[in-house]
Amino acid sequence: MDGRVARVTEVVAGSPKSFDDAVMVGFRRASKTLRGITGIKVKDWRARVEDGKIVEYRVTLEVLFILES
């Protein structure tokens, strides 16, 4: 009986709206390329600031997906 093997890929995504939106942007984009996604983990949260205001919310995601046989 064979076991399952997974891989983790990092994805960096940004949004001018919110951290939640940045997570969704990254997840939607990863879903276009990667099949078999079983989970995501937010590894890092950052924001880009200009003139004293947040102009972009950025996240680094770890995307876990099962390798096909």
C-alpha atoms as a PDB file:
ATOM      1  CA  MET A   1       0.000   0.000   0.000  1.00  0.00           C
ATOM      2  CA  ASP A   2       1.401   3.374  -1.046  1.00  0.00           C
ATOM      3  CA  GLY A   3       1.261   6.479   1.117  1.00  0.00           C
ATOM      4  CA  ARG A   4       0.612  10.008   0.005  1.00  0.00           C
ATOM      5  CA  VAL A   5       3.366  12.528  -0.605  1.00  0.00           C
ATOM      6  CA  ALA A   6       2.804  16.252  -0.338  1.00  0.00           C
ATOM      7  CA  ARG A   7       4.774  19.331  -1.278  1.00  0.00           C
ATOM      8  CA  VAL A   8       4.799  22.841   0.174  1.00  0.00           C
ATOM      9  CA  THR A   9       5.217  25.850  -2.113  1.00  0.00           C
ATOM     10  CA  GLU A  10       5.514  29.457  -0.999  1.00  0.00           C
ATOM     11  CA  VAL A  11       3.338  32.102  -2.601  1.00  0.00           C
ATOM     12  CA  VAL A  12       3.602  35.845  -1.959  1.00  0.00           C
ATOM     13  CA  ALA A  13       0.462  37.890  -2.648  1.00  0.00           C
ATOM     14  CA  GLY A  14      -0.686  41.437  -2.111  1.00  0.00           C
ATOM     15  CA  SER A  15      -3.876  43.476  -1.972  1.00  0.00           C
ATOM     16  CA  PRO A  16      -4.661  47.157  -1.433  1.00  0.00           C
ATOM     17  CA  LYS A  17      -7.810  46.134   0.532  1.00  0.00           C
ATOM     18  CA  SER A  18      -6.814  43.908   3.473  1.00  0.00           C
ATOM     19  CA  PHE A  19      -4.760  40.985   4.728  1.00  0.00           C
ATOM     20  CA  ASP A  20      -7.781  38.700   4.248  1.00  0.00           C
ATOM     21  CA  ASP A  21      -8.058  39.785   0.627  1.00  0.00           C
ATOM     22  CA  ALA A  22      -4.326  39.211   0.085  1.00  0.00           C
ATOM     23  CA  VAL A  23      -4.761  35.632   1.373  1.00  0.00           C
ATOM     24  CA  MET A  24      -7.650  35.069  -1.055  1.00  0.00           C
ATOM     25  CA  VAL A  25      -5.673  36.579  -3.958  1.00  0.00           C
ATOM     26  CA  GLY A  26      -2.781  34.198  -3.253  1.00  0.00           C
ATOM     27  CA  PHE A  27      -5.040  31.178  -2.804  1.00  0.00           C
ATOM     28  CA  ARG A  28      -7.026  31.863  -5.993  1.00  0.00           C
ATOM     29  CA  ARG A  29      -3.834  32.280  -8.011  1.00  0.00           C
ATOM     30  CA  ALA A  30      -2.235  29.123  -6.582  1.00  0.00           C
ATOM     31  CA  SER A  31      -5.446  27.194  -7.362  1.00  0.00           C
ATOM     32  CA  LYS A  32      -5.050  28.020 -11.070  1.00  0.00           C
ATOM     33  CA  THR A  33      -1.693  26.237 -11.228  1.00  0.00           C
ATOM     34  CA  LEU A  34      -1.605  23.678  -8.410  1.00  0.00           C
ATOM     35  CA  ARG A  35      -3.945  20.697  -8.204  1.00  0.00           C
ATOM     36  CA  GLY A  36      -4.725  18.803  -5.015  1.00  0.00           C
ATOM     37  CA  ILE A  37      -4.352  21.711  -2.562  1.00  0.00           C
ATOM     38  CA  THR A  38      -5.171  20.437   0.919  1.00  0.00           C
ATOM     39  CA  GLY A  39      -4.264  23.461   3.023  1.00  0.00           C
ATOM     40  CA  ILE A  40      -2.587  26.841   3.341  1.00  0.00           C
ATOM     41  CA  LYS A  41      -0.660  28.480   6.159  1.00  0.00           C
ATOM     42  CA  VAL A  42       0.000  32.198   6.453  1.00  0.00           C
ATOM     43  CA  LYS A  43       3.730  32.311   7.123  1.00  0.00           C
ATOM     44  CA  ASP A  44       4.250  36.091   7.148  1.00  0.00           C
ATOM     45  CA  TRP A  45       2.195  39.299   7.212  1.00  0.00           C
ATOM     46  CA  ARG A  46       3.621  42.620   5.988  1.00  0.00           C
ATOM     47  CA  ALA A  47       2.341  45.957   4.804  1.00  0.00           C
ATOM     48  CA  ARG A  48       3.812  48.482   2.399  1.00  0.00           C
ATOM     49  CA  VAL A  49       3.560  52.045   3.673  1.00  0.00           C
ATOM     50  CA  GLU A  50       3.727  55.323   1.734  1.00  0.00           C
ATOM     51  CA  ASP A  51       3.247  58.792   3.206  1.00  0.00           C
ATOM     52  CA  GLY A  52       2.155  57.361   6.549  1.00  0.00           C
ATOM     53  CA  LYS A  53      -0.586  55.148   5.083  1.00  0.00           C
ATOM     54  CA  ILE A  54      -0.794  51.436   4.316  1.00  0.00           C
ATOM     55  CA  VAL A  55      -0.989  51.092   0.542  1.00  0.00           C
ATOM     56  CA  GLU A  56      -0.633  47.314   0.221  1.00  0.00           C
ATOM     57  CA  TYR A  57      -1.159  44.323   2.485  1.00  0.00           C
ATOM     58  CA  ARG A  58       1.196  41.420   1.731  1.00  0.00           C
ATOM     59  CA  VAL A  59       1.190  37.808   2.869  1.00  0.00           C
ATOM     60  CA  THR A  60       3.495  34.872   2.358  1.00  0.00           C
ATOM     61  CA  LEU A  61       1.530  31.636   2.119  1.00  0.00           C
ATOM     62  CA  GLU A  62       2.710  28.053   2.396  1.00  0.00           C
ATOM     63  CA  VAL A  63       0.468  26.064   0.033  1.00  0.00           C
ATOM     64  CA  LEU A  64       0.283  22.319   0.740  1.00  0.00           C
ATOM     65  CA  PHE A  65      -0.723  20.018  -2.102  1.00  0.00           C
ATOM     66  CA  ILE A  66      -0.630  16.277  -2.778  1.00  0.00           C
ATOM     67  CA  LEU A  67       1.728  15.087  -5.521  1.00  0.00           C
ATOM     68  CA  GLU A  68       0.044  13.096  -8.256  1.00  0.00           C
ATOM     69  CA  SER A  69       1.240   9.574  -8.933  1.00  0.00           C
END
